[in-house]
Amino acid sequence: MSTDVHHTECNGLRVTWRRDPTRQQILVVGIDAISDRSAVVTLAPGDHLDLVQARQRWPQLAPLWNAIRHDFWTGALTVWTDSA
């Protein structure tokens, strides 16, 4: 999986995230509503939360955090399988 920016959609929300390869973390950059692209969560430029912090701060978004985890592992396993 590359360190490019990724997007995951769930329950009308779209989260922008990236993988920090140095710490092996998923970093949440922001969350927008899909319908009108309005910001639901805005972080300062260069700021981010890791997935654990995001889960703790917004537990009501658990389906979104689970979808990110799924996308992350699906991508990681695809890269691992392709390189084997």
Protein backbone atom coordinates (compact mmCIF):
# COMPACT_ATOMS: atom_id res chain seq x y z
CA MET A 1 0.00 0.00 0.00
CA SER A 2 1.39 3.38 -0.90
CA THR A 3 1.46 6.52 1.22
CA ASP A 4 -0.92 8.27 -1.19
CA VAL A 5 -4.10 9.89 0.05
CA HIS A 6 -7.03 7.49 0.28
CA HIS A 7 -10.79 8.00 0.56
CA THR A 8 -13.32 5.73 2.21
CA GLU A 9 -17.09 6.25 2.09
CA CYS A 10 -19.67 4.98 4.56
CA ASN A 11 -23.12 6.12 5.73
CA GLY A 12 -23.06 9.32 3.69
CA LEU A 13 -19.60 10.37 4.85
CA ARG A 14 -16.28 10.41 3.05
CA VAL A 15 -13.07 10.32 5.07
CA THR A 16 -9.70 11.30 3.67
CA TRP A 17 -6.83 9.34 5.17
CA ARG A 18 -3.26 8.28 4.54
CA ARG A 19 -0.87 5.69 5.88
CA ASP A 20 2.16 6.81 7.88
CA PRO A 21 4.78 4.25 6.83
CA THR A 22 7.22 5.23 9.56
CA ARG A 23 4.83 4.48 12.41
CA GLN A 24 2.50 2.06 10.61
CA GLN A 25 -0.54 4.19 11.43
CA ILE A 26 -3.64 5.23 9.57
CA LEU A 27 -3.87 9.02 9.72
CA VAL A 28 -7.28 10.68 9.37
CA VAL A 29 -7.01 13.99 7.51
CA GLY A 30 -10.68 15.06 7.31
CA ILE A 31 -14.31 13.98 6.96
CA ASP A 32 -16.86 15.41 4.52
CA ALA A 33 -20.53 14.79 3.81
CA ILE A 34 -20.86 13.03 0.43
CA SER A 35 -24.10 14.83 -0.49
CA ASP A 36 -22.77 18.38 -0.46
CA ARG A 37 -19.05 17.97 0.33
CA SER A 38 -19.44 20.07 3.48
CA ALA A 39 -16.82 19.50 6.14
CA VAL A 40 -17.95 17.33 9.04
CA VAL A 41 -14.51 17.26 10.67
CA THR A 42 -11.84 19.74 9.68
CA LEU A 43 -8.27 19.47 10.87
CA ALA A 44 -5.63 22.16 10.45
CA PRO A 45 -3.29 21.74 7.45
CA GLY A 46 -0.63 19.20 8.35
CA ASP A 47 -2.68 18.09 11.35
CA HIS A 48 -4.15 14.61 11.62
CA LEU A 49 -5.45 12.01 14.04
CA ASP A 50 -4.48 8.38 14.02
CA LEU A 51 -7.33 5.91 13.72
CA VAL A 52 -7.29 5.12 17.46
CA GLN A 53 -7.62 8.81 18.36
CA ALA A 54 -10.41 9.26 15.82
CA ARG A 55 -12.31 6.27 17.27
CA GLN A 56 -11.97 7.72 20.77
CA ARG A 57 -13.01 11.23 19.75
CA TRP A 58 -15.97 10.23 17.57
CA PRO A 59 -17.16 6.76 18.68
CA GLN A 60 -20.50 7.33 16.93
CA LEU A 61 -18.62 7.02 13.61
CA ALA A 62 -17.55 3.42 14.33
CA PRO A 63 -18.88 2.11 10.97
CA LEU A 64 -16.68 4.66 9.18
CA TRP A 65 -13.58 3.69 11.19
CA ASN A 66 -14.30 0.01 10.47
CA ALA A 67 -14.59 0.77 6.75
CA ILE A 68 -11.19 2.52 6.79
CA ARG A 69 -9.64 -0.46 8.56
CA HIS A 70 -11.16 -2.77 5.93
CA ASP A 71 -9.86 -0.63 3.04
CA PHE A 72 -6.42 -0.44 4.65
CA TRP A 73 -6.08 -4.21 5.12
CA THR A 74 -7.58 -5.00 1.71
CA GLY A 75 -4.95 -2.75 0.11
CA ALA A 76 -2.13 -4.06 2.30
CA LEU A 77 -2.99 -7.68 1.55
CA THR A 78 -3.24 -6.98 -2.17
CA VAL A 79 0.24 -5.43 -2.20
CA TRP A 80 1.63 -8.29 -0.12
CA THR A 81 0.00 -10.94 -2.34
CA ASP A 82 1.16 -9.22 -5.55
CA SER A 83 4.76 -9.08 -4.32
CA ALA A 84 4.87 -12.74 -3.24
